[in-house]
Amino acid sequence: MYASVADLRAEGVTAAEASDARLELLLDEASRLIDRVTGWFFEPRLLTLRLSGRGAPSIELPVPPIRLDRLVLGSAELSLEPSELLIVGAPIQPGFDGPRFTRRHGRTFPRGHGNVVAEGLWGFTEDDGTPTGRTPPAIRRATMLLVLRSLAPLADDASFEARSRWRIIEERTRDQSYKLDPAKAATAASLTGDPEIDALLALYVRPTPIGAA
């Protein structure tokens, strides 16, 4: 999860508003939603990935590698030495343009389906001076905003207001009457439907892979 119960308590969420267990559930839901709409995940995870060579020196990766432990092409172990293999991954550095492995000295990843296996630690993290990096602060904030938006039960008026406030163009405080902008409803942001949250996530959306339809 990209934020903690302690983070939400520090933002003023009380036990009367939500128990620790409910906040844990909402944090998990928010983190999963962010994974889904961005196409990345933003914490270190141990994974084994099966990739397909394209007959080129480079192979694009579905997520940045933080630490590569093993790389196998067919049945052959490949060297992980920097003189043999360029790894573009995380923690993300300035100029990052997508995660990839590139074989040096004119070598390629032969074309094949699932013919490359990579084992290691993966995730889109930002540099904080540690080997694994940190969850980007914007992702952490977006996670908390998603939880705060979901605190009230779905059937509660407060929940509807929290999900609709960004579309309000007119409001009367005494009657609690307000008017929703139909134009904003029609052009709702495509990630979460909340422009404030979408603005935080927009810079972290995974680009379309080269060659994708």
C-alpha atoms as a PDB file:
ATOM      1  CA  MET A   1       0.000   0.000   0.000  1.00  0.00           C
ATOM      2  CA  TYR A   2       1.207   3.475  -0.864  1.00  0.00           C
ATOM      3  CA  ALA A   3       0.188   5.203   2.380  1.00  0.00           C
ATOM      4  CA  SER A   4      -0.448   4.076   5.925  1.00  0.00           C
ATOM      5  CA  VAL A   5      -3.105   4.335   8.595  1.00  0.00           C
ATOM      6  CA  ALA A   6      -0.683   6.572  10.506  1.00  0.00           C
ATOM      7  CA  ASP A   7      -0.511   8.905   7.480  1.00  0.00           C
ATOM      8  CA  LEU A   8      -4.294   9.253   7.492  1.00  0.00           C
ATOM      9  CA  ARG A   9      -4.437   9.793  11.251  1.00  0.00           C
ATOM     10  CA  ALA A  10      -1.846  12.553  10.816  1.00  0.00           C
ATOM     11  CA  GLU A  11      -4.198  14.155   8.272  1.00  0.00           C
ATOM     12  CA  GLY A  12      -6.928  14.279  10.919  1.00  0.00           C
ATOM     13  CA  VAL A  13      -8.939  11.125  10.241  1.00  0.00           C
ATOM     14  CA  THR A  14     -10.306  10.045  13.626  1.00  0.00           C
ATOM     15  CA  ALA A  15     -11.199   6.619  14.952  1.00  0.00           C
ATOM     16  CA  ALA A  16     -14.818   7.793  15.080  1.00  0.00           C
ATOM     17  CA  GLU A  17     -14.733   8.360  11.315  1.00  0.00           C
ATOM     18  CA  ALA A  18     -13.058   5.057  10.447  1.00  0.00           C
ATOM     19  CA  SER A  19     -11.419   2.192  12.297  1.00  0.00           C
ATOM     20  CA  ASP A  20      -7.881   1.077  11.510  1.00  0.00           C
ATOM     21  CA  ALA A  21      -9.289  -2.012   9.785  1.00  0.00           C
ATOM     22  CA  ARG A  22     -11.536   0.064   7.504  1.00  0.00           C
ATOM     23  CA  LEU A  23      -8.679   2.423   6.655  1.00  0.00           C
ATOM     24  CA  GLU A  24      -6.474  -0.554   5.790  1.00  0.00           C
ATOM     25  CA  LEU A  25      -9.173  -1.820   3.427  1.00  0.00           C
ATOM     26  CA  LEU A  26      -9.621   1.586   1.784  1.00  0.00           C
ATOM     27  CA  LEU A  27      -5.858   2.029   1.425  1.00  0.00           C
ATOM     28  CA  ASP A  28      -5.593  -1.335  -0.273  1.00  0.00           C
ATOM     29  CA  GLU A  29      -8.461  -0.479  -2.644  1.00  0.00           C
ATOM     30  CA  ALA A  30      -6.937   2.917  -3.458  1.00  0.00           C
ATOM     31  CA  SER A  31      -3.499   1.418  -4.110  1.00  0.00           C
ATOM     32  CA  ARG A  32      -4.970  -1.225  -6.414  1.00  0.00           C
ATOM     33  CA  LEU A  33      -6.910   1.441  -8.307  1.00  0.00           C
ATOM     34  CA  ILE A  34      -3.729   3.461  -8.820  1.00  0.00           C
ATOM     35  CA  ASP A  35      -1.935   0.363 -10.131  1.00  0.00           C
ATOM     36  CA  ARG A  36      -4.763  -0.251 -12.573  1.00  0.00           C
ATOM     37  CA  VAL A  37      -5.130   3.282 -13.974  1.00  0.00           C
ATOM     38  CA  THR A  38      -1.397   4.038 -14.232  1.00  0.00           C
ATOM     39  CA  GLY A  39      -0.159   0.652 -15.440  1.00  0.00           C
ATOM     40  CA  TRP A  40       2.719   0.629 -12.900  1.00  0.00           C
ATOM     41  CA  PHE A  41       3.141  -0.259  -9.246  1.00  0.00           C
ATOM     42  CA  PHE A  42       5.042   2.022  -6.891  1.00  0.00           C
ATOM     43  CA  GLU A  43       6.691  -0.147  -4.247  1.00  0.00           C
ATOM     44  CA  PRO A  44       9.348  -2.888  -4.410  1.00  0.00           C
ATOM     45  CA  ARG A  45       7.963  -6.342  -5.267  1.00  0.00           C
ATOM     46  CA  LEU A  46       9.838  -9.591  -5.861  1.00  0.00           C
ATOM     47  CA  LEU A  47       8.768 -11.021  -9.219  1.00  0.00           C
ATOM     48  CA  THR A  48       9.825 -13.369 -11.980  1.00  0.00           C
ATOM     49  CA  LEU A  49       8.861 -11.974 -15.386  1.00  0.00           C
ATOM     50  CA  ARG A  50       8.711 -13.865 -18.679  1.00  0.00           C
ATOM     51  CA  LEU A  51       9.465 -11.563 -21.610  1.00  0.00           C
ATOM     52  CA  SER A  52       9.543 -11.888 -25.389  1.00  0.00           C
ATOM     53  CA  GLY A  53      12.619 -10.973 -27.424  1.00  0.00           C
ATOM     54  CA  ARG A  54      12.113  -8.862 -30.554  1.00  0.00           C
ATOM     55  CA  GLY A  55      15.352  -9.568 -32.369  1.00  0.00           C
ATOM     56  CA  ALA A  56      16.834  -6.288 -31.133  1.00  0.00           C
ATOM     57  CA  PRO A  57      19.502  -5.332 -28.574  1.00  0.00           C
ATOM     58  CA  SER A  58      16.841  -3.902 -26.235  1.00  0.00           C
ATOM     59  CA  ILE A  59      13.819  -5.429 -24.603  1.00  0.00           C
ATOM     60  CA  GLU A  60      11.114  -3.218 -23.098  1.00  0.00           C
ATOM     61  CA  LEU A  61       9.935  -4.046 -19.590  1.00  0.00           C
ATOM     62  CA  PRO A  62       6.447  -3.836 -18.077  1.00  0.00           C
ATOM     63  CA  VAL A  63       7.802  -2.280 -14.871  1.00  0.00           C
ATOM     64  CA  PRO A  64      11.152  -0.767 -13.843  1.00  0.00           C
ATOM     65  CA  PRO A  65      13.648  -3.183 -12.294  1.00  0.00           C
ATOM     66  CA  ILE A  66      15.054  -2.094  -8.947  1.00  0.00           C
ATOM     67  CA  ARG A  67      17.435  -5.033  -8.656  1.00  0.00           C
ATOM     68  CA  LEU A  68      18.032  -7.729 -11.255  1.00  0.00           C
ATOM     69  CA  ASP A  69      19.048 -11.068  -9.733  1.00  0.00           C
ATOM     70  CA  ARG A  70      18.950 -13.349 -12.771  1.00  0.00           C
ATOM     71  CA  LEU A  71      18.437 -13.071 -16.530  1.00  0.00           C
ATOM     72  CA  VAL A  72      17.964 -16.163 -18.678  1.00  0.00           C
ATOM     73  CA  LEU A  73      17.710 -16.309 -22.470  1.00  0.00           C
ATOM     74  CA  GLY A  74      16.351 -19.693 -23.513  1.00  0.00           C
ATOM     75  CA  SER A  75      18.447 -21.984 -21.307  1.00  0.00           C
ATOM     76  CA  ALA A  76      21.488 -19.676 -21.095  1.00  0.00           C
ATOM     77  CA  GLU A  77      22.268 -17.435 -18.138  1.00  0.00           C
ATOM     78  CA  LEU A  78      23.198 -13.937 -19.292  1.00  0.00           C
ATOM     79  CA  SER A  79      25.843 -11.806 -17.645  1.00  0.00           C
ATOM     80  CA  LEU A  80      24.518  -8.967 -15.498  1.00  0.00           C
ATOM     81  CA  GLU A  81      27.803  -7.061 -15.655  1.00  0.00           C
ATOM     82  CA  PRO A  82      27.323  -3.394 -16.668  1.00  0.00           C
ATOM     83  CA  SER A  83      29.861  -3.911 -19.448  1.00  0.00           C
ATOM     84  CA  GLU A  84      27.509  -6.530 -20.948  1.00  0.00           C
ATOM     85  CA  LEU A  85      24.052  -5.264 -20.030  1.00  0.00           C
ATOM     86  CA  LEU A  86      22.541  -1.779 -19.667  1.00  0.00           C
ATOM     87  CA  ILE A  87      19.661  -1.694 -17.199  1.00  0.00           C
ATOM     88  CA  VAL A  88      17.292   1.276 -17.169  1.00  0.00           C
ATOM     89  CA  GLY A  89      15.115   0.996 -14.100  1.00  0.00           C
ATOM     90  CA  ALA A  90      14.466   2.300 -10.608  1.00  0.00           C
ATOM     91  CA  PRO A  91      14.968   4.215  -8.462  1.00  0.00           C
ATOM     92  CA  ILE A  92      13.990   6.518 -11.327  1.00  0.00           C
ATOM     93  CA  GLN A  93      16.658   8.983 -12.414  1.00  0.00           C
ATOM     94  CA  PRO A  94      16.369  12.235 -14.448  1.00  0.00           C
ATOM     95  CA  GLY A  95      15.901  11.510 -18.139  1.00  0.00           C
ATOM     96  CA  PHE A  96      14.059   8.214 -17.534  1.00  0.00           C
ATOM     97  CA  ASP A  97      12.248   7.288 -20.753  1.00  0.00           C
ATOM     98  CA  GLY A  98      11.030   3.793 -19.967  1.00  0.00           C
ATOM     99  CA  PRO A  99      12.393   0.603 -18.373  1.00  0.00           C
ATOM    100  CA  ARG A 100      14.509  -1.689 -20.535  1.00  0.00           C
ATOM    101  CA  PHE A 101      17.418  -4.070 -20.795  1.00  0.00           C
ATOM    102  CA  THR A 102      19.946  -3.465 -23.583  1.00  0.00           C
ATOM    103  CA  ARG A 103      22.627  -5.978 -24.513  1.00  0.00           C
ATOM    104  CA  ARG A 104      25.932  -4.414 -25.482  1.00  0.00           C
ATOM    105  CA  HIS A 105      28.517  -5.278 -28.165  1.00  0.00           C
ATOM    106  CA  GLY A 106      25.908  -5.849 -30.881  1.00  0.00           C
ATOM    107  CA  ARG A 107      24.210  -8.748 -29.110  1.00  0.00           C
ATOM    108  CA  THR A 108      20.417  -9.047 -29.286  1.00  0.00           C
ATOM    109  CA  PHE A 109      17.466 -10.680 -27.590  1.00  0.00           C
ATOM    110  CA  PRO A 110      16.416 -13.129 -30.342  1.00  0.00           C
ATOM    111  CA  ARG A 111      12.807 -13.002 -31.416  1.00  0.00           C
ATOM    112  CA  GLY A 112      10.678 -15.440 -29.465  1.00  0.00           C
ATOM    113  CA  HIS A 113       7.621 -15.756 -27.274  1.00  0.00           C
ATOM    114  CA  GLY A 114       8.484 -15.816 -23.559  1.00  0.00           C
ATOM    115  CA  ASN A 115      12.116 -16.688 -24.302  1.00  0.00           C
ATOM    116  CA  VAL A 116      13.564 -14.289 -21.705  1.00  0.00           C
ATOM    117  CA  VAL A 117      13.134 -14.791 -17.954  1.00  0.00           C
ATOM    118  CA  ALA A 118      14.071 -12.019 -15.497  1.00  0.00           C
ATOM    119  CA  GLU A 119      14.079 -12.442 -11.733  1.00  0.00           C
ATOM    120  CA  GLY A 120      14.480  -9.612  -9.266  1.00  0.00           C
ATOM    121  CA  LEU A 121      12.954  -6.717  -7.377  1.00  0.00           C
ATOM    122  CA  TRP A 122      10.653  -4.474  -9.389  1.00  0.00           C
ATOM    123  CA  GLY A 123       8.684  -1.255  -8.976  1.00  0.00           C
ATOM    124  CA  PHE A 124       8.458   2.396  -9.991  1.00  0.00           C
ATOM    125  CA  THR A 125      10.241   4.109  -7.113  1.00  0.00           C
ATOM    126  CA  GLU A 126      11.941   7.492  -6.826  1.00  0.00           C
ATOM    127  CA  ASP A 127      15.459   8.113  -5.599  1.00  0.00           C
ATOM    128  CA  ASP A 128      15.781   8.853  -1.886  1.00  0.00           C
ATOM    129  CA  GLY A 129      19.369   7.725  -1.386  1.00  0.00           C
ATOM    130  CA  THR A 130      18.475   4.109  -0.589  1.00  0.00           C
ATOM    131  CA  PRO A 131      18.967   1.122  -2.922  1.00  0.00           C
ATOM    132  CA  THR A 132      15.221   0.520  -3.320  1.00  0.00           C
ATOM    133  CA  GLY A 133      13.980   4.120  -3.398  1.00  0.00           C
ATOM    134  CA  ARG A 134      10.614   5.366  -2.170  1.00  0.00           C
ATOM    135  CA  THR A 135       7.019   5.528  -3.315  1.00  0.00           C
ATOM    136  CA  PRO A 136       6.648   8.882  -5.142  1.00  0.00           C
ATOM    137  CA  PRO A 137       5.096  11.500  -2.819  1.00  0.00           C
ATOM    138  CA  ALA A 138       2.440  12.323  -5.434  1.00  0.00           C
ATOM    139  CA  ILE A 139       1.343   8.674  -5.443  1.00  0.00           C
ATOM    140  CA  ARG A 140       1.202   8.663  -1.650  1.00  0.00           C
ATOM    141  CA  ARG A 141      -0.934  11.818  -1.661  1.00  0.00           C
ATOM    142  CA  ALA A 142      -3.241  10.487  -4.375  1.00  0.00           C
ATOM    143  CA  THR A 143      -3.759   7.340  -2.308  1.00  0.00           C
ATOM    144  CA  MET A 144      -4.763   9.365   0.738  1.00  0.00           C
ATOM    145  CA  LEU A 145      -7.107  11.576  -1.303  1.00  0.00           C
ATOM    146  CA  LEU A 146      -8.819   8.499  -2.729  1.00  0.00           C
ATOM    147  CA  VAL A 147      -9.330   7.161   0.800  1.00  0.00           C
ATOM    148  CA  LEU A 148     -10.618  10.490   2.090  1.00  0.00           C
ATOM    149  CA  ARG A 149     -13.084  10.595  -0.800  1.00  0.00           C
ATOM    150  CA  SER A 150     -14.343   7.135   0.197  1.00  0.00           C
ATOM    151  CA  LEU A 151     -14.617   7.568   3.962  1.00  0.00           C
ATOM    152  CA  ALA A 152     -18.379   8.161   4.060  1.00  0.00           C
ATOM    153  CA  PRO A 153     -20.595   5.140   3.258  1.00  0.00           C
ATOM    154  CA  LEU A 154     -21.593   5.056  -0.413  1.00  0.00           C
ATOM    155  CA  ALA A 155     -25.270   5.687   0.387  1.00  0.00           C
ATOM    156  CA  ASP A 156     -24.427   8.700   2.563  1.00  0.00           C
ATOM    157  CA  ASP A 157     -24.961  12.253   1.275  1.00  0.00           C
ATOM    158  CA  ALA A 158     -21.422  13.124   2.338  1.00  0.00           C
ATOM    159  CA  SER A 159     -20.048  10.415   0.088  1.00  0.00           C
ATOM    160  CA  PHE A 160     -21.959  11.733  -2.926  1.00  0.00           C
ATOM    161  CA  GLU A 161     -20.763  15.262  -2.166  1.00  0.00           C
ATOM    162  CA  ALA A 162     -17.144  14.135  -1.874  1.00  0.00           C
ATOM    163  CA  ARG A 163     -17.346  12.351  -5.227  1.00  0.00           C
ATOM    164  CA  SER A 164     -19.156  15.233  -6.939  1.00  0.00           C
ATOM    165  CA  ARG A 165     -17.641  18.404  -5.443  1.00  0.00           C
ATOM    166  CA  TRP A 166     -15.221  18.959  -8.325  1.00  0.00           C
ATOM    167  CA  ARG A 167     -18.251  19.383 -10.640  1.00  0.00           C
ATOM    168  CA  ILE A 168     -20.055  21.972  -8.493  1.00  0.00           C
ATOM    169  CA  ILE A 169     -20.535  25.392 -10.131  1.00  0.00           C
ATOM    170  CA  GLU A 170     -23.200  26.788  -7.781  1.00  0.00           C
ATOM    171  CA  GLU A 171     -23.862  26.225  -4.084  1.00  0.00           C
ATOM    172  CA  ARG A 172     -26.208  27.590  -1.414  1.00  0.00           C
ATOM    173  CA  THR A 173     -24.890  27.024   2.084  1.00  0.00           C
ATOM    174  CA  ARG A 174     -28.183  27.479   3.983  1.00  0.00           C
ATOM    175  CA  ASP A 175     -30.159  24.975   1.936  1.00  0.00           C
ATOM    176  CA  GLN A 176     -27.175  22.832   1.035  1.00  0.00           C
ATOM    177  CA  SER A 177     -28.370  23.174  -2.529  1.00  0.00           C
ATOM    178  CA  TYR A 178     -25.863  22.962  -5.339  1.00  0.00           C
ATOM    179  CA  LYS A 179     -25.727  22.619  -9.105  1.00  0.00           C
ATOM    180  CA  LEU A 180     -23.494  20.247 -11.054  1.00  0.00           C
ATOM    181  CA  ASP A 181     -21.800  21.376 -14.240  1.00  0.00           C
ATOM    182  CA  PRO A 182     -22.936  18.990 -17.025  1.00  0.00           C
ATOM    183  CA  ALA A 183     -19.942  19.961 -19.150  1.00  0.00           C
ATOM    184  CA  LYS A 184     -17.575  18.799 -16.451  1.00  0.00           C
ATOM    185  CA  ALA A 185     -19.599  15.627 -16.037  1.00  0.00           C
ATOM    186  CA  ALA A 186     -19.273  14.947 -19.757  1.00  0.00           C
ATOM    187  CA  THR A 187     -15.538  15.591 -19.790  1.00  0.00           C
ATOM    188  CA  ALA A 188     -14.702  13.888 -16.507  1.00  0.00           C
ATOM    189  CA  ALA A 189     -11.039  13.053 -16.119  1.00  0.00           C
ATOM    190  CA  SER A 190     -10.287   9.632 -17.491  1.00  0.00           C
ATOM    191  CA  LEU A 191      -8.310   8.146 -14.596  1.00  0.00           C
ATOM    192  CA  THR A 192     -10.342   8.428 -11.390  1.00  0.00           C
ATOM    193  CA  GLY A 193     -12.959  11.053 -12.261  1.00  0.00           C
ATOM    194  CA  ASP A 194     -11.416  13.551  -9.831  1.00  0.00           C
ATOM    195  CA  PRO A 195      -9.209  16.230 -11.464  1.00  0.00           C
ATOM    196  CA  GLU A 196      -7.128  16.836  -8.330  1.00  0.00           C
ATOM    197  CA  ILE A 197      -6.226  13.166  -8.057  1.00  0.00           C
ATOM    198  CA  ASP A 198      -5.818  12.748 -11.809  1.00  0.00           C
ATOM    199  CA  ALA A 199      -3.370  15.668 -11.907  1.00  0.00           C
ATOM    200  CA  LEU A 200      -1.192  13.822  -9.386  1.00  0.00           C
ATOM    201  CA  LEU A 201      -1.361  10.547 -11.298  1.00  0.00           C
ATOM    202  CA  ALA A 202      -1.017  11.902 -14.838  1.00  0.00           C
ATOM    203  CA  LEU A 203       2.796  12.076 -14.769  1.00  0.00           C
ATOM    204  CA  TYR A 204       2.977   8.436 -13.678  1.00  0.00           C
ATOM    205  CA  VAL A 205       0.840   6.792 -16.351  1.00  0.00           C
ATOM    206  CA  ARG A 206       2.762   4.108 -18.180  1.00  0.00           C
ATOM    207  CA  PRO A 207       3.411   5.073 -21.811  1.00  0.00           C
ATOM    208  CA  THR A 208       2.149   2.838 -24.604  1.00  0.00           C
ATOM    209  CA  PRO A 209       4.896   0.324 -25.489  1.00  0.00           C
ATOM    210  CA  ILE A 210       6.573   0.728 -28.861  1.00  0.00           C
ATOM    211  CA  GLY A 211       4.867  -1.477 -31.398  1.00  0.00           C
ATOM    212  CA  ALA A 212       1.653  -1.799 -29.394  1.00  0.00           C
ATOM    213  CA  ALA A 213      -1.557  -1.736 -31.403  1.00  0.00           C
END
